[in-house]
Protein backbone atom coordinates (compact mmCIF):
# COMPACT_ATOMS: atom_id res chain seq x y z
CA MET A 1 1.12 20.55 -6.87
CA LYS A 2 -0.23 19.58 -10.27
CA ASN A 3 -2.15 16.39 -10.96
CA ILE A 4 -0.01 13.62 -12.45
CA VAL A 5 -2.85 11.08 -12.66
CA GLU A 6 -6.53 11.97 -13.04
CA VAL A 7 -9.13 9.21 -12.89
CA LYS A 8 -12.62 10.53 -13.56
CA ASN A 9 -15.86 8.50 -13.38
CA VAL A 10 -14.14 5.32 -14.56
CA THR A 11 -16.14 2.11 -14.81
CA LYS A 12 -14.83 -1.31 -15.83
CA GLU A 13 -17.31 -4.16 -16.16
CA TYR A 14 -16.90 -7.88 -16.68
CA LYS A 15 -20.32 -9.18 -17.75
CA GLU A 16 -22.40 -8.63 -14.60
CA LEU A 17 -19.47 -7.65 -12.36
CA LYS A 18 -18.42 -4.02 -11.90
CA ALA A 19 -14.76 -4.34 -10.96
CA VAL A 20 -14.42 -0.54 -10.99
CA ASP A 21 -17.55 1.48 -10.32
CA ASP A 22 -17.65 5.18 -11.31
CA LEU A 23 -14.23 5.71 -9.72
CA SER A 24 -12.63 9.15 -9.42
CA PHE A 25 -9.39 10.28 -7.77
CA VAL A 26 -6.18 12.18 -8.51
CA VAL A 27 -2.51 11.62 -7.76
CA LYS A 28 -0.47 14.75 -7.05
CA GLU A 29 3.04 15.42 -8.30
CA GLY A 30 5.76 14.19 -5.95
CA GLU A 31 3.54 12.24 -3.57
CA ILE A 32 3.43 8.58 -2.61
CA LEU A 33 -0.20 7.46 -2.85
CA GLY A 34 -1.12 4.26 -1.04
CA LEU A 35 -3.83 2.37 -2.94
CA LEU A 36 -5.31 -0.11 -0.47
CA GLY A 37 -8.17 -2.55 -0.40
CA PRO A 38 -9.05 -6.15 0.46
CA ASN A 39 -8.80 -8.90 -2.14
CA GLY A 40 -11.28 -8.27 -4.93
CA SER A 41 -11.60 -4.57 -4.14
CA GLY A 42 -10.54 -3.48 -7.64
CA LYS A 43 -6.95 -2.34 -6.98
CA THR A 44 -5.31 -4.38 -9.73
CA THR A 45 -8.07 -3.62 -12.21
CA THR A 46 -7.76 0.09 -11.42
CA ILE A 47 -4.01 0.05 -12.05
CA ASN A 48 -4.43 -1.90 -15.29
CA CYS A 49 -7.03 0.63 -16.43
CA ILE A 50 -4.74 3.56 -15.61
CA LEU A 51 -1.95 1.89 -17.59
CA SER A 52 -4.39 1.29 -20.46
CA LEU A 53 -3.78 -2.47 -20.24
CA LEU A 54 -7.57 -2.80 -19.99
CA ASN A 55 -10.22 -0.94 -21.93
CA ILE A 56 -12.63 0.98 -19.72
CA ASN A 57 -16.40 1.07 -20.26
CA LYS A 58 -16.84 4.65 -19.13
CA GLY A 59 -14.87 7.65 -17.89
CA THR A 60 -11.53 9.27 -18.63
CA ILE A 61 -7.96 8.74 -17.47
CA LYS A 62 -5.26 11.38 -17.86
CA ILE A 63 -1.56 11.06 -17.11
CA PHE A 64 0.65 14.16 -17.21
CA GLY A 65 -2.43 16.06 -18.39
CA LYS A 66 -2.90 13.86 -21.48
CA ILE A 67 -5.54 11.24 -22.23
CA MET A 68 -4.08 7.77 -21.63
CA LYS A 69 -4.44 5.30 -24.52
CA PRO A 70 -2.86 1.91 -25.35
CA ASP A 71 -0.62 3.55 -27.97
CA ALA A 72 0.30 6.64 -25.89
CA TYR A 73 4.01 5.85 -26.01
CA ASP A 74 4.96 9.47 -25.28
CA ILE A 75 3.29 9.01 -21.89
CA LYS A 76 4.42 5.44 -21.25
CA LYS A 77 8.12 6.27 -21.63
CA ASP A 78 7.88 8.27 -18.40
CA ILE A 79 6.13 5.49 -16.45
CA GLY A 80 7.79 2.71 -14.46
CA VAL A 81 5.88 -0.40 -13.43
CA VAL A 82 6.96 -3.00 -10.87
CA PHE A 83 4.40 -5.78 -10.65
CA GLN A 84 4.24 -8.24 -7.75
CA GLU A 85 5.39 -11.11 -9.96
CA VAL A 86 9.13 -10.93 -10.63
CA ALA A 87 9.71 -10.39 -14.37
CA VAL A 88 13.37 -10.60 -15.34
CA PHE A 89 15.34 -12.67 -17.87
CA GLU A 90 16.92 -15.75 -16.30
CA GLU A 91 19.59 -15.97 -19.02
CA LEU A 92 20.84 -12.42 -18.41
CA THR A 93 23.00 -11.15 -15.55
CA VAL A 94 21.84 -8.45 -13.15
CA TYR A 95 23.62 -5.78 -15.17
CA ASP A 96 22.41 -7.10 -18.53
CA ASN A 97 18.81 -7.25 -17.29
CA LEU A 98 19.02 -3.62 -16.33
CA ASP A 99 20.72 -2.74 -19.60
CA TYR A 100 17.89 -4.39 -21.53
CA PHE A 101 15.00 -2.76 -19.66
CA CYS A 102 16.64 0.65 -19.46
CA GLY A 103 17.57 0.36 -23.14
CA LEU A 104 13.88 0.23 -24.08
CA TYR A 105 13.76 3.94 -23.21
CA ILE A 106 17.34 5.26 -23.08
CA LYS A 107 19.24 4.81 -26.36
CA ASN A 108 22.36 6.82 -25.48
CA LYS A 109 24.84 4.23 -24.14
CA LYS A 110 26.72 6.63 -21.86
CA GLN A 111 23.54 7.96 -20.29
CA ARG A 112 22.14 4.45 -19.99
CA LYS A 113 25.25 3.27 -18.15
CA GLU A 114 24.90 6.15 -15.67
CA TYR A 115 21.24 5.33 -15.09
CA ILE A 116 21.99 1.62 -14.59
CA GLU A 117 24.71 2.36 -12.03
CA GLU A 118 22.33 4.67 -10.15
CA ALA A 119 19.61 2.00 -10.10
CA ILE A 120 22.07 -0.64 -8.88
CA ALA A 121 23.22 1.66 -6.08
CA LEU A 122 19.64 2.55 -5.15
CA VAL A 123 18.67 -1.10 -4.50
CA GLY A 124 22.05 -2.19 -3.14
CA LEU A 125 23.12 -4.64 -5.86
CA GLU A 126 26.67 -3.33 -6.37
CA ASN A 127 28.20 -6.72 -5.49
CA TYR A 128 25.86 -8.73 -7.71
CA LYS A 129 26.22 -7.18 -11.19
CA LYS A 130 27.52 -10.39 -12.78
CA PHE A 131 25.10 -12.71 -10.96
CA TYR A 132 22.25 -14.46 -12.75
CA PRO A 133 18.74 -14.29 -11.25
CA LYS A 134 18.83 -17.96 -10.19
CA GLN A 135 21.88 -17.13 -8.03
CA LEU A 136 20.03 -14.42 -6.10
CA SER A 137 18.06 -14.76 -2.89
CA GLY A 138 14.38 -13.82 -2.87
CA GLY A 139 15.11 -10.38 -1.46
CA LEU A 140 17.88 -9.64 -3.98
CA LEU A 141 15.68 -10.86 -6.83
CA ARG A 142 12.88 -8.54 -5.80
CA ARG A 143 15.33 -5.65 -5.57
CA LEU A 144 16.48 -6.46 -9.11
CA ASN A 145 12.84 -6.47 -10.22
CA ILE A 146 12.40 -2.96 -8.80
CA ALA A 147 15.61 -1.71 -10.38
CA CYS A 148 14.48 -2.95 -13.81
CA GLY A 149 11.25 -0.98 -13.47
CA ILE A 150 12.83 2.32 -12.42
CA ALA A 151 16.23 2.34 -14.16
CA HIS A 152 15.05 4.72 -16.90
CA LYS A 153 14.14 7.34 -14.24
CA PRO A 154 10.38 7.46 -14.81
CA LYS A 155 8.34 10.38 -13.48
CA LEU A 156 5.48 8.09 -12.42
CA ILE A 157 6.08 4.71 -10.75
CA PHE A 158 3.62 1.93 -9.94
CA LEU A 159 4.80 -0.43 -7.18
CA ASP A 160 2.58 -3.46 -6.62
CA GLU A 161 3.43 -5.15 -3.31
CA PRO A 162 7.20 -4.80 -3.79
CA THR A 163 8.13 -6.27 -0.39
CA VAL A 164 6.18 -9.53 -0.50
CA ALA A 165 8.08 -12.46 1.04
CA VAL A 166 11.38 -10.64 1.65
CA ASP A 167 13.58 -10.58 4.74
CA PRO A 168 13.57 -7.51 7.05
CA GLN A 169 16.89 -6.24 5.70
CA SER A 170 15.68 -6.33 2.08
CA ARG A 171 12.39 -4.75 3.08
CA ASN A 172 14.21 -1.89 4.81
CA ASN A 173 16.42 -1.41 1.74
CA ILE A 174 13.38 -1.33 -0.57
CA LEU A 175 11.47 1.15 1.60
CA GLU A 176 14.47 3.47 1.88
CA GLY A 177 14.88 3.27 -1.90
CA ILE A 178 11.24 4.24 -2.43
CA LYS A 179 11.69 7.28 -0.19
CA THR A 180 14.75 8.24 -2.23
CA LEU A 181 12.78 7.98 -5.48
CA ARG A 182 10.12 10.31 -4.04
CA ASP A 183 12.79 12.72 -2.80
CA ARG A 184 14.23 12.81 -6.33
CA GLY A 185 10.87 13.94 -7.67
CA ALA A 186 9.08 10.74 -8.70
CA THR A 187 5.34 10.32 -8.13
CA ILE A 188 4.53 6.85 -6.78
CA ILE A 189 1.38 4.72 -6.58
CA TYR A 190 1.97 2.02 -3.98
CA THR A 191 -0.09 -1.07 -3.19
CA THR A 192 0.56 -3.40 -0.28
CA HIS A 193 -1.15 -5.40 2.45
CA TYR A 194 1.46 -4.28 5.00
CA MET A 195 -0.21 -1.35 6.74
CA GLU A 196 2.92 -0.36 8.66
CA GLU A 197 4.62 0.31 5.32
CA VAL A 198 1.76 2.57 4.29
CA GLU A 199 1.98 4.59 7.49
CA LEU A 200 5.74 4.89 7.03
CA LEU A 201 5.76 5.81 3.33
CA CYS A 202 2.53 7.24 2.03
CA ASP A 203 1.63 10.91 1.97
CA ARG A 204 -2.00 10.06 1.15
CA ILE A 205 -4.07 6.89 1.18
CA ILE A 206 -7.08 5.70 -0.78
CA ILE A 207 -9.01 2.68 0.47
CA LEU A 208 -10.98 0.90 -2.24
CA ASP A 209 -13.72 -1.68 -1.91
CA LYS A 210 -16.03 -3.04 -4.58
CA GLY A 211 -14.45 -0.70 -7.09
CA LYS A 212 -15.27 2.47 -5.16
CA VAL A 213 -13.40 4.84 -2.85
CA LEU A 214 -14.33 4.06 0.75
CA ALA A 215 -12.03 6.63 2.31
CA GLU A 216 -9.24 9.01 1.35
CA GLY A 217 -6.70 11.06 3.28
CA SER A 218 -3.54 10.81 5.36
CA ALA A 219 -3.20 8.04 7.95
CA ASP A 220 -4.24 10.46 10.72
CA GLU A 221 -7.19 11.73 8.70
CA LEU A 222 -8.41 8.18 8.10
CA LYS A 223 -8.21 7.47 11.82
CA GLU A 224 -10.37 10.51 12.44
CA LEU A 225 -12.79 9.40 9.74
CA ALA A 226 -13.11 5.96 11.28
CA ASN A 227 -14.06 7.61 14.57
CA MET A 228 -11.38 5.71 16.50
CA ASP A 229 -9.18 7.55 18.98
CA GLU A 230 -7.89 4.94 21.43
CA LYS A 231 -7.40 1.18 21.51
CA ILE A 232 -7.05 -0.74 24.79
CA THR A 233 -5.87 -4.35 24.72
CA VAL A 234 -6.29 -6.63 27.74
CA GLU A 235 -5.03 -10.20 28.16
CA VAL A 236 -7.65 -11.80 30.41
CA ASP A 237 -7.80 -15.22 32.05
CA HIS A 238 -11.57 -15.36 31.68
CA ILE A 239 -14.32 -12.81 31.16
CA LYS A 240 -18.07 -13.29 31.19
CA GLU A 241 -20.26 -12.13 28.34
CA THR A 242 -22.20 -9.98 30.81
CA VAL A 243 -19.04 -7.98 31.56
CA ILE A 244 -18.38 -7.47 27.85
CA GLU A 245 -21.91 -6.15 27.46
CA LYS A 246 -21.29 -3.65 30.28
CA ILE A 247 -18.17 -2.41 28.50
CA LYS A 248 -20.17 -1.87 25.31
CA TYR A 249 -22.37 0.59 27.18
CA PHE A 250 -19.46 2.86 28.16
CA LYS A 251 -20.11 6.32 26.76
CA ASN A 252 -17.14 6.52 24.37
CA VAL A 253 -16.77 2.88 23.34
CA HIS A 254 -16.73 2.26 19.60
CA GLU A 255 -16.29 -1.52 19.48
CA VAL A 256 -15.54 -4.45 21.80
CA SER A 257 -14.16 -7.80 20.68
CA LEU A 258 -12.74 -10.89 22.37
CA GLU A 259 -10.19 -12.91 20.42
CA ARG A 260 -9.31 -15.98 22.48
CA ASN A 261 -8.01 -14.43 25.72
CA THR A 262 -7.42 -10.95 24.29
CA LEU A 263 -10.03 -8.29 24.93
CA ILE A 264 -9.85 -5.34 22.52
CA VAL A 265 -11.79 -2.15 23.20
CA THR A 266 -11.70 0.80 20.80
CA TYR A 267 -12.91 4.25 21.79
CA LYS A 268 -14.24 7.16 19.76
CA LYS A 269 -12.81 9.80 22.09
CA GLY A 270 -12.71 10.79 25.74
CA LYS A 271 -10.34 10.78 28.70
CA ASN A 272 -9.77 8.27 31.50
CA ASN A 273 -10.91 5.37 29.33
CA LEU A 274 -8.21 3.11 30.74
CA SER A 275 -9.03 3.79 34.40
CA GLU A 276 -12.75 3.32 33.72
CA LEU A 277 -12.10 -0.08 32.16
CA ILE A 278 -9.73 -1.19 34.95
CA ASP A 279 -12.31 -0.24 37.58
CA LEU A 280 -14.97 -2.34 35.84
CA LEU A 281 -12.66 -5.34 35.56
CA LYS A 282 -11.83 -5.12 39.27
CA GLU A 283 -15.49 -4.78 40.26
CA ASN A 284 -16.30 -7.94 38.31
CA LYS A 285 -13.21 -9.83 39.56
CA VAL A 286 -11.74 -10.23 36.08
CA THR A 287 -8.06 -11.15 36.34
CA TYR A 288 -5.69 -10.02 33.63
CA SER A 289 -1.96 -10.31 32.93
CA LYS A 290 -1.39 -7.38 30.58
CA ILE A 291 -3.25 -4.20 29.72
CA PHE A 292 -2.08 -1.34 27.50
CA SER A 293 -3.46 1.63 25.62
CA GLU A 294 -2.42 2.89 22.18
CA ARG A 295 -3.73 4.88 19.25
CA PRO A 296 -5.47 2.68 16.68
CA THR A 297 -3.22 1.59 13.84
CA LEU A 298 -4.02 1.98 10.17
CA ASN A 299 -4.70 -1.76 10.16
CA ASP A 300 -7.43 -1.22 12.78
CA VAL A 301 -8.94 1.53 10.63
CA PHE A 302 -8.71 -0.62 7.49
CA LEU A 303 -10.60 -3.49 9.14
CA ASN A 304 -13.13 -1.08 10.60
CA LEU A 305 -13.89 0.37 7.16
CA THR A 306 -13.74 -2.79 5.04
CA GLY A 307 -14.97 -5.38 7.55
CA LYS A 308 -13.28 -8.41 9.07
CA GLU A 309 -14.84 -11.04 6.83
CA LEU A 310 -12.46 -13.21 4.83
CA ARG A 311 -12.16 -12.29 1.14
CA ASP A 312 -11.46 -14.64 -1.77
């Protein structure tokens, strides 16, 4: 697979703040890349730099093998951008919004009509063509926003938290549509705070923090990198700090935390972790109502790598 996006040693500074710090990564043709990070990690700045909406202080950015510049319209015509904020015209119907945005790139009316109908079908707006944005629910409005960004069939698509504040049905429709875009050959850069979406959609994941790559790989590869193999959750009535300290000294334990009445123990590896923990709880007369074991989620890995502190 060839590189569609190449970011090499890019730095973006604001006075004394390095929002992007000597950042390098590539996006392969036909993949969905999840670009993750806590608030303030540099995700939005990185995307704006790639799109040449911001001038960079150092480094190079190539798209489709060409240097990206503010006036690189030959590159931009093959890019679709769907920002988190809905950006459609309130005075235009669903169809006319799509006709306007698609018309910025597709001048042939017959071809444009075909593209618009495909975009409408992709996001499930067939019954809403004559509706105005103010008549749409939040989920339908966000689906219109996506359709406006991809109607011209771009080769590279940026999706910035496209499922924020939508109902489960709309979210499912949006996620299925994104898979369809990938299956049709589009390359997608996807940002979200919903880790289950990333596990479901993304072929590869990059976790950013402080403008640098913290980790990169598939969801399974990141779990290996974080050295987390098993997560055991126990709902306890009460547990003494001395018992928690004993658990921390188990050979394969990675981390132990107590959140209200929920004890969470993550393990690096090993077998019989669950039985070992149950035996210790029984020995120390710790009563519990529920106990279950699972593989750590991507959310667990994300918090492990970026920390649990609140971000602004």
